[in-house]
C-alpha atoms as a PDB file:
ATOM      1  CA  MET A   1     -15.519  20.461   1.585  1.00  0.00           C
ATOM      2  CA  TYR A   2     -12.514  18.221   2.571  1.00  0.00           C
ATOM      3  CA  ALA A   3     -11.637  14.594   2.470  1.00  0.00           C
ATOM      4  CA  THR A   4     -10.924  12.820   6.001  1.00  0.00           C
ATOM      5  CA  LEU A   5      -9.850   9.274   6.845  1.00  0.00           C
ATOM      6  CA  ILE A   6     -11.921   7.919   9.632  1.00  0.00           C
ATOM      7  CA  ALA A   7     -11.238   4.132   9.900  1.00  0.00           C
ATOM      8  CA  THR A   8      -9.228   1.348   8.753  1.00  0.00           C
ATOM      9  CA  GLY A   9      -9.461  -2.586   8.118  1.00  0.00           C
ATOM     10  CA  SER A  10      -7.049  -5.167   7.077  1.00  0.00           C
ATOM     11  CA  TYR A  11      -7.077  -8.818   6.138  1.00  0.00           C
ATOM     12  CA  LEU A  12      -3.912 -11.163   6.037  1.00  0.00           C
ATOM     13  CA  PRO A  13      -4.105 -14.709   4.580  1.00  0.00           C
ATOM     14  CA  GLU A  14      -3.885 -17.515   7.241  1.00  0.00           C
ATOM     15  CA  LYS A  15      -0.917 -19.165   5.802  1.00  0.00           C
ATOM     16  CA  ILE A  16       2.457 -17.825   7.022  1.00  0.00           C
ATOM     17  CA  LEU A  17       5.573 -18.492   5.067  1.00  0.00           C
ATOM     18  CA  THR A  18       8.707 -17.740   7.420  1.00  0.00           C
ATOM     19  CA  ASN A  19      12.458 -17.246   6.756  1.00  0.00           C
ATOM     20  CA  LYS A  20      13.079 -20.707   8.012  1.00  0.00           C
ATOM     21  CA  ASP A  21      10.504 -22.017   5.703  1.00  0.00           C
ATOM     22  CA  LEU A  22      12.273 -20.266   2.914  1.00  0.00           C
ATOM     23  CA  GLU A  23      15.519 -21.996   3.578  1.00  0.00           C
ATOM     24  CA  SER A  24      14.299 -25.241   2.338  1.00  0.00           C
ATOM     25  CA  MET A  25      12.842 -23.820  -0.879  1.00  0.00           C
ATOM     26  CA  VAL A  26      16.002 -21.302  -2.035  1.00  0.00           C
ATOM     27  CA  ASP A  27      19.629 -20.832  -1.449  1.00  0.00           C
ATOM     28  CA  THR A  28      18.914 -18.213   1.629  1.00  0.00           C
ATOM     29  CA  SER A  29      19.088 -18.032   5.301  1.00  0.00           C
ATOM     30  CA  ASP A  30      16.979 -16.397   8.064  1.00  0.00           C
ATOM     31  CA  GLU A  31      19.934 -14.355   8.977  1.00  0.00           C
ATOM     32  CA  TRP A  32      20.504 -13.086   5.441  1.00  0.00           C
ATOM     33  CA  ILE A  33      16.789 -12.044   5.065  1.00  0.00           C
ATOM     34  CA  ARG A  34      16.545 -10.239   8.350  1.00  0.00           C
ATOM     35  CA  THR A  35      19.912  -8.264   7.841  1.00  0.00           C
ATOM     36  CA  ARG A  36      18.998  -7.115   4.561  1.00  0.00           C
ATOM     37  CA  SER A  37      15.420  -6.389   4.577  1.00  0.00           C
ATOM     38  CA  GLY A  38      14.121  -6.822   8.532  1.00  0.00           C
ATOM     39  CA  ILE A  39      11.575  -9.421   7.332  1.00  0.00           C
ATOM     40  CA  GLU A  40      10.876 -12.204   9.624  1.00  0.00           C
ATOM     41  CA  GLN A  41       7.654 -13.611   7.632  1.00  0.00           C
ATOM     42  CA  ARG A  42       5.199 -13.169   5.278  1.00  0.00           C
ATOM     43  CA  HIS A  43       1.338 -14.289   4.412  1.00  0.00           C
ATOM     44  CA  ILE A  44       0.702 -16.250   1.354  1.00  0.00           C
ATOM     45  CA  ALA A  45      -2.935 -16.364  -0.075  1.00  0.00           C
ATOM     46  CA  ALA A  46      -4.451 -19.824  -0.176  1.00  0.00           C
ATOM     47  CA  GLU A  47      -5.185 -21.240  -3.537  1.00  0.00           C
ATOM     48  CA  HIS A  48      -8.820 -20.585  -3.832  1.00  0.00           C
ATOM     49  CA  GLU A  49      -8.307 -16.487  -2.659  1.00  0.00           C
ATOM     50  CA  THR A  50      -8.159 -13.844  -4.999  1.00  0.00           C
ATOM     51  CA  THR A  51      -7.137 -10.368  -4.676  1.00  0.00           C
ATOM     52  CA  SER A  52     -10.591  -9.317  -4.624  1.00  0.00           C
ATOM     53  CA  ASP A  53     -11.316 -11.701  -1.689  1.00  0.00           C
ATOM     54  CA  LEU A  54      -8.592 -10.019   0.443  1.00  0.00           C
ATOM     55  CA  ALA A  55      -9.859  -6.758  -0.583  1.00  0.00           C
ATOM     56  CA  VAL A  56     -13.523  -7.587   0.516  1.00  0.00           C
ATOM     57  CA  ASN A  57     -12.431  -9.011   3.828  1.00  0.00           C
ATOM     58  CA  ALA A  58     -10.420  -5.753   4.519  1.00  0.00           C
ATOM     59  CA  ALA A  59     -13.284  -3.586   3.371  1.00  0.00           C
ATOM     60  CA  LYS A  60     -15.825  -5.339   5.666  1.00  0.00           C
ATOM     61  CA  ARG A  61     -13.418  -4.715   8.614  1.00  0.00           C
ATOM     62  CA  ALA A  62     -13.025  -0.919   7.738  1.00  0.00           C
ATOM     63  CA  LEU A  63     -16.821  -0.621   7.285  1.00  0.00           C
ATOM     64  CA  THR A  64     -17.420  -2.097  10.708  1.00  0.00           C
ATOM     65  CA  ASN A  65     -15.048  -0.015  12.440  1.00  0.00           C
ATOM     66  CA  ALA A  66     -16.596   3.070  11.003  1.00  0.00           C
ATOM     67  CA  GLY A  67     -20.048   2.079  11.973  1.00  0.00           C
ATOM     68  CA  LEU A  68     -21.185   2.427   8.152  1.00  0.00           C
ATOM     69  CA  GLN A  69     -23.208   0.053   5.914  1.00  0.00           C
ATOM     70  CA  THR A  70     -22.315  -0.790   2.290  1.00  0.00           C
ATOM     71  CA  SER A  71     -25.078   1.619   1.152  1.00  0.00           C
ATOM     72  CA  ASP A  72     -22.996   4.483   2.613  1.00  0.00           C
ATOM     73  CA  ILE A  73     -20.262   4.142  -0.025  1.00  0.00           C
ATOM     74  CA  ASP A  74     -20.481   5.743  -3.229  1.00  0.00           C
ATOM     75  CA  LEU A  75     -17.037   5.212  -4.474  1.00  0.00           C
ATOM     76  CA  ILE A  76     -14.573   2.497  -4.468  1.00  0.00           C
ATOM     77  CA  VAL A  77     -11.092   2.650  -5.451  1.00  0.00           C
ATOM     78  CA  VAL A  78      -8.700  -0.495  -5.517  1.00  0.00           C
ATOM     79  CA  ALA A  79      -5.010   0.007  -5.726  1.00  0.00           C
ATOM     80  CA  THR A  80      -3.358  -3.371  -6.997  1.00  0.00           C
ATOM     81  CA  THR A  81      -0.605  -4.806  -9.273  1.00  0.00           C
ATOM     82  CA  THR A  82      -2.316  -8.246  -9.049  1.00  0.00           C
ATOM     83  CA  PRO A  83      -5.881  -7.713 -10.119  1.00  0.00           C
ATOM     84  CA  ASP A  84      -8.124 -10.979 -10.363  1.00  0.00           C
ATOM     85  CA  VAL A  85      -8.362 -10.527 -14.279  1.00  0.00           C
ATOM     86  CA  ILE A  86      -7.168  -8.402 -17.017  1.00  0.00           C
ATOM     87  CA  PHE A  87     -10.769  -6.820 -16.743  1.00  0.00           C
ATOM     88  CA  PRO A  88     -13.238  -6.010 -15.165  1.00  0.00           C
ATOM     89  CA  SER A  89     -11.477  -4.003 -12.611  1.00  0.00           C
ATOM     90  CA  THR A  90     -11.111  -5.536  -9.361  1.00  0.00           C
ATOM     91  CA  ALA A  91     -12.862  -2.742  -7.761  1.00  0.00           C
ATOM     92  CA  CYS A  92     -15.888  -3.658  -9.744  1.00  0.00           C
ATOM     93  CA  ILE A  93     -15.565  -7.190  -8.763  1.00  0.00           C
ATOM     94  CA  VAL A  94     -15.241  -6.058  -5.025  1.00  0.00           C
ATOM     95  CA  GLN A  95     -18.468  -3.748  -5.523  1.00  0.00           C
ATOM     96  CA  ASP A  96     -20.392  -6.760  -6.648  1.00  0.00           C
ATOM     97  CA  LYS A  97     -18.981  -9.064  -3.782  1.00  0.00           C
ATOM     98  CA  LEU A  98     -19.871  -6.408  -1.198  1.00  0.00           C
ATOM     99  CA  GLY A  99     -23.336  -5.824  -2.827  1.00  0.00           C
ATOM    100  CA  ILE A 100     -22.759  -2.108  -3.332  1.00  0.00           C
ATOM    101  CA  LYS A 101     -25.224  -0.562  -5.970  1.00  0.00           C
ATOM    102  CA  ASN A 102     -24.416   2.921  -6.552  1.00  0.00           C
ATOM    103  CA  ALA A 103     -20.848   3.374  -6.311  1.00  0.00           C
ATOM    104  CA  ALA A 104     -18.190   4.367  -9.008  1.00  0.00           C
ATOM    105  CA  ALA A 105     -15.464   1.848  -8.934  1.00  0.00           C
ATOM    106  CA  PHE A 106     -12.081   1.533 -10.594  1.00  0.00           C
ATOM    107  CA  ASP A 107      -8.470   0.401 -10.123  1.00  0.00           C
ATOM    108  CA  ILE A 108      -4.954   2.330  -9.646  1.00  0.00           C
ATOM    109  CA  GLN A 109      -1.995   0.621 -10.898  1.00  0.00           C
ATOM    110  CA  ALA A 110       1.015   2.541  -9.333  1.00  0.00           C
ATOM    111  CA  VAL A 111       2.462  -0.562  -7.884  1.00  0.00           C
ATOM    112  CA  CYS A 112       3.782   0.180  -4.240  1.00  0.00           C
ATOM    113  CA  SER A 113       2.741   3.606  -4.540  1.00  0.00           C
ATOM    114  CA  GLY A 114      -0.758   2.811  -5.584  1.00  0.00           C
ATOM    115  CA  PHE A 115      -2.494   3.357  -2.260  1.00  0.00           C
ATOM    116  CA  VAL A 116      -0.911   6.871  -2.022  1.00  0.00           C
ATOM    117  CA  TYR A 117      -1.955   7.637  -5.548  1.00  0.00           C
ATOM    118  CA  ALA A 118      -5.658   6.366  -4.895  1.00  0.00           C
ATOM    119  CA  LEU A 119      -5.899   8.692  -1.684  1.00  0.00           C
ATOM    120  CA  SER A 120      -4.613  11.635  -3.517  1.00  0.00           C
ATOM    121  CA  ILE A 121      -7.288  11.089  -6.369  1.00  0.00           C
ATOM    122  CA  VAL A 122     -10.110  10.440  -3.952  1.00  0.00           C
ATOM    123  CA  ASP A 123      -9.342  13.406  -1.926  1.00  0.00           C
ATOM    124  CA  LYS A 124      -9.991  15.455  -4.843  1.00  0.00           C
ATOM    125  CA  MET A 125     -13.154  13.663  -5.981  1.00  0.00           C
ATOM    126  CA  ILE A 126     -14.612  14.172  -2.533  1.00  0.00           C
ATOM    127  CA  ALA A 127     -13.486  17.868  -1.978  1.00  0.00           C
ATOM    128  CA  SER A 128     -15.330  18.529  -5.204  1.00  0.00           C
ATOM    129  CA  GLY A 129     -18.522  17.290  -3.811  1.00  0.00           C
ATOM    130  CA  ALA A 130     -18.658  14.656  -6.538  1.00  0.00           C
ATOM    131  CA  HIS A 131     -18.686  11.966  -3.912  1.00  0.00           C
ATOM    132  CA  ASN A 132     -19.511  11.678  -0.148  1.00  0.00           C
ATOM    133  CA  ARG A 133     -17.831   8.325   1.310  1.00  0.00           C
ATOM    134  CA  ALA A 134     -15.146   6.365  -0.297  1.00  0.00           C
ATOM    135  CA  LEU A 135     -13.537   2.846   0.282  1.00  0.00           C
ATOM    136  CA  VAL A 136      -9.804   2.977  -0.735  1.00  0.00           C
ATOM    137  CA  ILE A 137      -8.280  -0.287  -0.777  1.00  0.00           C
ATOM    138  CA  GLY A 138      -4.639  -1.559  -1.365  1.00  0.00           C
ATOM    139  CA  ALA A 139      -4.741  -5.351  -2.056  1.00  0.00           C
ATOM    140  CA  GLU A 140      -1.935  -7.636  -3.502  1.00  0.00           C
ATOM    141  CA  THR A 141      -1.344 -11.355  -4.120  1.00  0.00           C
ATOM    142  CA  TYR A 142       2.118 -11.018  -4.951  1.00  0.00           C
ATOM    143  CA  SER A 143       3.194 -14.449  -4.326  1.00  0.00           C
ATOM    144  CA  ARG A 144       1.907 -15.260  -7.806  1.00  0.00           C
ATOM    145  CA  ILE A 145       4.084 -13.313  -9.508  1.00  0.00           C
ATOM    146  CA  LEU A 146       7.082 -14.432  -7.752  1.00  0.00           C
ATOM    147  CA  ASN A 147      10.080 -16.632  -9.239  1.00  0.00           C
ATOM    148  CA  TRP A 148      10.381 -18.802  -6.233  1.00  0.00           C
ATOM    149  CA  LYS A 149      13.685 -19.810  -7.251  1.00  0.00           C
ATOM    150  CA  ASP A 150      14.928 -16.174  -7.271  1.00  0.00           C
ATOM    151  CA  ARG A 151      16.264 -15.542  -3.616  1.00  0.00           C
ATOM    152  CA  ALA A 152      16.622 -11.717  -4.277  1.00  0.00           C
ATOM    153  CA  THR A 153      12.969 -11.237  -4.836  1.00  0.00           C
ATOM    154  CA  CYS A 154      10.775 -14.147  -3.537  1.00  0.00           C
ATOM    155  CA  VAL A 155      11.856 -13.755   0.336  1.00  0.00           C
ATOM    156  CA  LEU A 156      10.705  -9.905   0.302  1.00  0.00           C
ATOM    157  CA  PHE A 157       7.007 -10.079  -0.905  1.00  0.00           C
ATOM    158  CA  GLY A 158       3.818 -10.997   0.747  1.00  0.00           C
ATOM    159  CA  ASP A 159       0.327 -10.909   0.324  1.00  0.00           C
ATOM    160  CA  GLY A 160      -2.564  -8.935   2.101  1.00  0.00           C
ATOM    161  CA  ALA A 161      -5.131  -6.185   1.914  1.00  0.00           C
ATOM    162  CA  GLY A 162      -5.778  -2.990   3.802  1.00  0.00           C
ATOM    163  CA  ALA A 163      -8.618  -0.641   3.490  1.00  0.00           C
ATOM    164  CA  VAL A 164      -9.640   2.936   4.734  1.00  0.00           C
ATOM    165  CA  ILE A 165     -13.025   4.854   4.609  1.00  0.00           C
ATOM    166  CA  VAL A 166     -12.502   8.366   3.243  1.00  0.00           C
ATOM    167  CA  THR A 167     -15.387  10.773   4.187  1.00  0.00           C
ATOM    168  CA  ARG A 168     -16.453  14.365   3.513  1.00  0.00           C
ATOM    169  CA  SER A 169     -15.957  16.544   6.245  1.00  0.00           C
ATOM    170  CA  ASP A 170     -16.196  20.298   6.999  1.00  0.00           C
ATOM    171  CA  LYS A 171     -12.874  19.998   8.785  1.00  0.00           C
ATOM    172  CA  PRO A 172      -9.389  19.823   6.918  1.00  0.00           C
ATOM    173  CA  GLY A 173      -8.467  15.997   6.876  1.00  0.00           C
ATOM    174  CA  ILE A 174      -6.127  15.283   3.932  1.00  0.00           C
ATOM    175  CA  LEU A 175      -4.013  18.454   4.113  1.00  0.00           C
ATOM    176  CA  ALA A 176      -1.932  17.853   0.939  1.00  0.00           C
ATOM    177  CA  SER A 177      -0.728  15.116  -1.401  1.00  0.00           C
ATOM    178  CA  LYS A 178       1.951  15.068  -4.096  1.00  0.00           C
ATOM    179  CA  ILE A 179       2.360  12.431  -6.582  1.00  0.00           C
ATOM    180  CA  GLN A 180       5.133  11.749  -9.400  1.00  0.00           C
ATOM    181  CA  SER A 181       6.731   9.468 -11.657  1.00  0.00           C
ATOM    182  CA  ASP A 182       9.799   8.710 -13.992  1.00  0.00           C
ATOM    183  CA  GLY A 183       9.190   5.845 -16.368  1.00  0.00           C
ATOM    184  CA  SER A 184      12.787   6.085 -17.466  1.00  0.00           C
ATOM    185  CA  ARG A 185      13.653   4.006 -14.479  1.00  0.00           C
ATOM    186  CA  ARG A 186      11.082   1.548 -15.167  1.00  0.00           C
ATOM    187  CA  ASN A 187      13.516  -1.369 -15.874  1.00  0.00           C
ATOM    188  CA  ILE A 188      15.121  -1.503 -12.261  1.00  0.00           C
ATOM    189  CA  LEU A 189      11.760  -2.949 -10.784  1.00  0.00           C
ATOM    190  CA  ASN A 190       9.270  -4.502 -13.177  1.00  0.00           C
ATOM    191  CA  VAL A 191       7.421  -7.667 -14.423  1.00  0.00           C
ATOM    192  CA  PRO A 192       8.453  -7.748 -17.963  1.00  0.00           C
ATOM    193  CA  GLY A 193       5.983 -10.470 -19.343  1.00  0.00           C
ATOM    194  CA  GLN A 194       2.708 -10.041 -20.954  1.00  0.00           C
ATOM    195  CA  VAL A 195      -0.379 -11.964 -22.469  1.00  0.00           C
ATOM    196  CA  ARG A 196      -0.537 -11.996 -25.911  1.00  0.00           C
ATOM    197  CA  ASN A 197      -2.657 -13.875 -28.478  1.00  0.00           C
ATOM    198  CA  GLY A 198      -3.473 -16.559 -25.690  1.00  0.00           C
ATOM    199  CA  ALA A 199       0.171 -16.948 -24.428  1.00  0.00           C
ATOM    200  CA  ILE A 200       2.635 -15.593 -22.233  1.00  0.00           C
ATOM    201  CA  TYR A 201       5.541 -13.512 -23.720  1.00  0.00           C
ATOM    202  CA  GLY A 202       8.750 -12.709 -21.371  1.00  0.00           C
ATOM    203  CA  ASP A 203       9.093 -13.432 -17.881  1.00  0.00           C
ATOM    204  CA  PRO A 204       5.716 -12.962 -15.868  1.00  0.00           C
ATOM    205  CA  THR A 205       7.609 -12.593 -12.537  1.00  0.00           C
ATOM    206  CA  VAL A 206       9.110  -9.808 -10.509  1.00  0.00           C
ATOM    207  CA  HIS A 207      12.684  -8.562 -11.589  1.00  0.00           C
ATOM    208  CA  MET A 208      14.444  -6.150  -9.395  1.00  0.00           C
ATOM    209  CA  ASP A 209      17.858  -4.638  -8.922  1.00  0.00           C
ATOM    210  CA  GLY A 210      17.969  -4.239  -5.251  1.00  0.00           C
ATOM    211  CA  GLN A 211      20.874  -1.606  -5.176  1.00  0.00           C
ATOM    212  CA  ALA A 212      19.266   0.712  -7.870  1.00  0.00           C
ATOM    213  CA  VAL A 213      15.815   0.551  -5.857  1.00  0.00           C
ATOM    214  CA  PHE A 214      17.198   1.359  -2.504  1.00  0.00           C
ATOM    215  CA  LYS A 215      19.587   4.424  -3.925  1.00  0.00           C
ATOM    216  CA  PHE A 216      16.575   5.804  -5.404  1.00  0.00           C
ATOM    217  CA  ALA A 217      13.713   5.105  -2.955  1.00  0.00           C
ATOM    218  CA  VAL A 218      15.326   7.010  -0.119  1.00  0.00           C
ATOM    219  CA  GLY A 219      16.033  10.252  -1.843  1.00  0.00           C
ATOM    220  CA  ALA A 220      12.435  10.318  -3.847  1.00  0.00           C
ATOM    221  CA  MET A 221      10.638   9.593  -0.456  1.00  0.00           C
ATOM    222  CA  VAL A 222      12.309  11.989   1.374  1.00  0.00           C
ATOM    223  CA  ASP A 223      12.109  14.814  -1.391  1.00  0.00           C
ATOM    224  CA  ILE A 224       8.338  14.242  -1.933  1.00  0.00           C
ATOM    225  CA  CYS A 225       7.543  14.229   1.867  1.00  0.00           C
ATOM    226  CA  ASN A 226       9.330  17.456   2.073  1.00  0.00           C
ATOM    227  CA  ALA A 227       7.467  18.883  -0.846  1.00  0.00           C
ATOM    228  CA  THR A 228       4.248  17.637   0.748  1.00  0.00           C
ATOM    229  CA  GLN A 229       4.982  19.259   4.008  1.00  0.00           C
ATOM    230  CA  ALA A 230       5.870  22.628   2.314  1.00  0.00           C
ATOM    231  CA  ALA A 231       2.418  22.488   0.604  1.00  0.00           C
ATOM    232  CA  ALA A 232       0.558  21.983   3.871  1.00  0.00           C
ATOM    233  CA  GLY A 233       2.805  24.267   5.807  1.00  0.00           C
ATOM    234  CA  VAL A 234       3.844  22.117   8.261  1.00  0.00           C
ATOM    235  CA  THR A 235       7.441  20.217   9.038  1.00  0.00           C
ATOM    236  CA  SER A 236       8.750  17.005   9.962  1.00  0.00           C
ATOM    237  CA  ALA A 237       8.511  18.240  13.756  1.00  0.00           C
ATOM    238  CA  ASP A 238       4.883  18.421  13.438  1.00  0.00           C
ATOM    239  CA  ILE A 239       4.339  14.816  12.323  1.00  0.00           C
ATOM    240  CA  ASP A 240       2.820  12.401  14.889  1.00  0.00           C
ATOM    241  CA  TRP A 241       3.218   9.280  12.798  1.00  0.00           C
ATOM    242  CA  LEU A 242       5.197   8.528   9.587  1.00  0.00           C
ATOM    243  CA  VAL A 243       3.738   5.594   7.670  1.00  0.00           C
ATOM    244  CA  PRO A 244       6.012   4.483   4.588  1.00  0.00           C
ATOM    245  CA  HIS A 245       5.751   1.755   2.221  1.00  0.00           C
ATOM    246  CA  GLN A 246       6.887  -1.435   3.917  1.00  0.00           C
ATOM    247  CA  ALA A 247       9.689  -2.541   1.600  1.00  0.00           C
ATOM    248  CA  ASN A 248      12.760  -2.707   3.505  1.00  0.00           C
ATOM    249  CA  VAL A 249      13.429  -1.749   7.131  1.00  0.00           C
ATOM    250  CA  ARG A 250      16.778  -0.262   5.827  1.00  0.00           C
ATOM    251  CA  ILE A 251      14.854   2.239   3.502  1.00  0.00           C
ATOM    252  CA  ILE A 252      12.456   3.028   6.204  1.00  0.00           C
ATOM    253  CA  ASP A 253      15.311   3.969   8.879  1.00  0.00           C
ATOM    254  CA  ALA A 254      16.976   5.966   6.253  1.00  0.00           C
ATOM    255  CA  THR A 255      14.015   7.859   5.038  1.00  0.00           C
ATOM    256  CA  ALA A 256      13.008   8.643   8.665  1.00  0.00           C
ATOM    257  CA  LYS A 257      16.493   9.634   9.375  1.00  0.00           C
ATOM    258  CA  LYS A 258      16.956  12.194   6.649  1.00  0.00           C
ATOM    259  CA  LEU A 259      13.435  13.572   7.456  1.00  0.00           C
ATOM    260  CA  GLY A 260      14.461  14.061  11.002  1.00  0.00           C
ATOM    261  CA  VAL A 261      11.417  11.983  12.219  1.00  0.00           C
ATOM    262  CA  PRO A 262      12.428   9.778  15.184  1.00  0.00           C
ATOM    263  CA  LEU A 263      12.216   6.101  14.632  1.00  0.00           C
ATOM    264  CA  GLU A 264       9.730   5.676  17.263  1.00  0.00           C
ATOM    265  CA  LYS A 265       7.350   7.720  15.204  1.00  0.00           C
ATOM    266  CA  SER A 266       7.629   5.363  12.225  1.00  0.00           C
ATOM    267  CA  ILE A 267       5.091   2.810  11.893  1.00  0.00           C
ATOM    268  CA  VAL A 268       6.934  -0.443  10.952  1.00  0.00           C
ATOM    269  CA  THR A 269       5.189  -3.848  10.121  1.00  0.00           C
ATOM    270  CA  VAL A 270       7.496  -5.136   7.383  1.00  0.00           C
ATOM    271  CA  SER A 271       9.001  -7.872   9.827  1.00  0.00           C
ATOM    272  CA  LYS A 272       5.547  -9.601   9.798  1.00  0.00           C
ATOM    273  CA  HIS A 273       4.088  -8.739   6.525  1.00  0.00           C
ATOM    274  CA  GLY A 274       7.067  -8.526   3.879  1.00  0.00           C
ATOM    275  CA  ASN A 275       6.416  -6.183   1.059  1.00  0.00           C
ATOM    276  CA  THR A 276       2.763  -6.104   0.309  1.00  0.00           C
ATOM    277  CA  SER A 277       3.193  -3.458  -2.249  1.00  0.00           C
ATOM    278  CA  ALA A 278       0.012  -1.110  -2.414  1.00  0.00           C
ATOM    279  CA  ALA A 279      -1.382  -2.925   0.580  1.00  0.00           C
ATOM    280  CA  SER A 280       1.515  -2.124   2.803  1.00  0.00           C
ATOM    281  CA  ILE A 281       0.597   1.397   3.948  1.00  0.00           C
ATOM    282  CA  PRO A 282      -3.103   0.723   5.011  1.00  0.00           C
ATOM    283  CA  LEU A 283      -2.151  -2.606   6.514  1.00  0.00           C
ATOM    284  CA  ALA A 284       0.376  -0.459   8.684  1.00  0.00           C
ATOM    285  CA  LEU A 285      -2.126   2.269   9.225  1.00  0.00           C
ATOM    286  CA  ASP A 286      -4.533  -0.378  10.723  1.00  0.00           C
ATOM    287  CA  VAL A 287      -2.022  -1.916  13.010  1.00  0.00           C
ATOM    288  CA  ALA A 288      -1.574   1.630  14.270  1.00  0.00           C
ATOM    289  CA  PHE A 289      -5.258   2.345  14.432  1.00  0.00           C
ATOM    290  CA  ARG A 290      -5.967  -1.219  16.444  1.00  0.00           C
ATOM    291  CA  ASP A 291      -3.195  -1.007  18.850  1.00  0.00           C
ATOM    292  CA  GLY A 292      -4.188   2.627  19.718  1.00  0.00           C
ATOM    293  CA  ARG A 293      -1.252   4.378  18.542  1.00  0.00           C
ATOM    294  CA  LEU A 294      -3.311   6.296  15.873  1.00  0.00           C
ATOM    295  CA  LYS A 295      -5.564   8.729  17.612  1.00  0.00           C
ATOM    296  CA  PRO A 296      -7.925  11.529  16.374  1.00  0.00           C
ATOM    297  CA  GLY A 297      -6.103  14.759  15.488  1.00  0.00           C
ATOM    298  CA  ASN A 298      -2.676  13.084  14.717  1.00  0.00           C
ATOM    299  CA  LEU A 299      -0.792  14.229  11.901  1.00  0.00           C
ATOM    300  CA  VAL A 300      -0.156  11.328   9.831  1.00  0.00           C
ATOM    301  CA  GLN A 301       2.321  11.395   6.634  1.00  0.00           C
ATOM    302  CA  MET A 302       1.993   8.394   4.292  1.00  0.00           C
ATOM    303  CA  VAL A 303       4.857   8.002   1.568  1.00  0.00           C
ATOM    304  CA  GLY A 304       5.322   5.333  -1.061  1.00  0.00           C
ATOM    305  CA  VAL A 305       7.818   4.335  -3.903  1.00  0.00           C
ATOM    306  CA  GLY A 306       7.317   1.570  -6.547  1.00  0.00           C
ATOM    307  CA  GLY A 307       8.048   0.381  -9.929  1.00  0.00           C
ATOM    308  CA  GLY A 308       7.383   2.707 -12.774  1.00  0.00           C
ATOM    309  CA  PHE A 309       9.013   4.447 -11.110  1.00  0.00           C
ATOM    310  CA  THR A 310       6.013   5.930  -9.293  1.00  0.00           C
ATOM    311  CA  TRP A 311       6.131   7.887  -5.800  1.00  0.00           C
ATOM    312  CA  GLY A 312       4.117  10.201  -3.629  1.00  0.00           C
ATOM    313  CA  SER A 313       3.038  11.114   0.006  1.00  0.00           C
ATOM    314  CA  VAL A 314      -0.278  12.216   1.683  1.00  0.00           C
ATOM    315  CA  LEU A 315      -0.334  14.555   4.578  1.00  0.00           C
ATOM    316  CA  ALA A 316      -3.492  13.870   6.671  1.00  0.00           C
ATOM    317  CA  ARG A 317      -5.133  14.824   9.878  1.00  0.00           C
ATOM    318  CA  TRP A 318      -6.543  11.467  11.247  1.00  0.00           C
ATOM    319  CA  GLY A 319     -10.145  11.358  12.020  1.00  0.00           C
END
């Protein structure tokens, strides 16, 4: 038995925050943001929208694109760093909002590589025969954990959700996956606050050492891509589409160059979405799915790196 990705869906909040908008909010400029990140705009969740709301909208579109009903799903995994509440899991809330009655549901918290972690786990669960069809969702409302006076972080992130349907197949779909972590690097990208005794202790907003993240991210993504390719018995020349975590266009370009993957084979959406953490890879997949670039039989390499530090890659034959 194998696990195969067959359809995508996505949802972006209606509100768009442009670089020009940010110029009136913090000491920055459109040129500064574009030059350092490649970002032009990002979407911001409305006050009434929760992470589960974004996830549900993306999931419904994925189900429609797959031609499936909610009753066909027996596993829901949500990758998120910004859950609705401490518990229950956002996945359980999504399950209830979708009206799915007979499915396991849980969250994965691996920050920006959460979607890759989730796919890696779901692959094993489906290939083992324990489950038939899964909704794998990356969803974030990062705007709610940003310090809007910190120009080093608030200009980079956005909100959104992406979903994929993973189903059991007798043909190889997910060929290989690798996930890894290094907790000793946790201080270069984190949210150091916590809720304790009904109060917030520490700072509940994103802190990042941008130079340290850049230096580590490229090397980690290249190494894990190479290891995943070796496990699947393929090379970078075989890759049809590289779908990296959309953190920064310079990180994406440097990773593709070191892997030897032509830039035109990279799916890049960071300019319009910003960094949507665990949602960035499924959002990019859905863009490629809808515009026709992603075709059945394509070999797709997904790779992400995020706070923790965590990183990973999944190599899959689409459809």
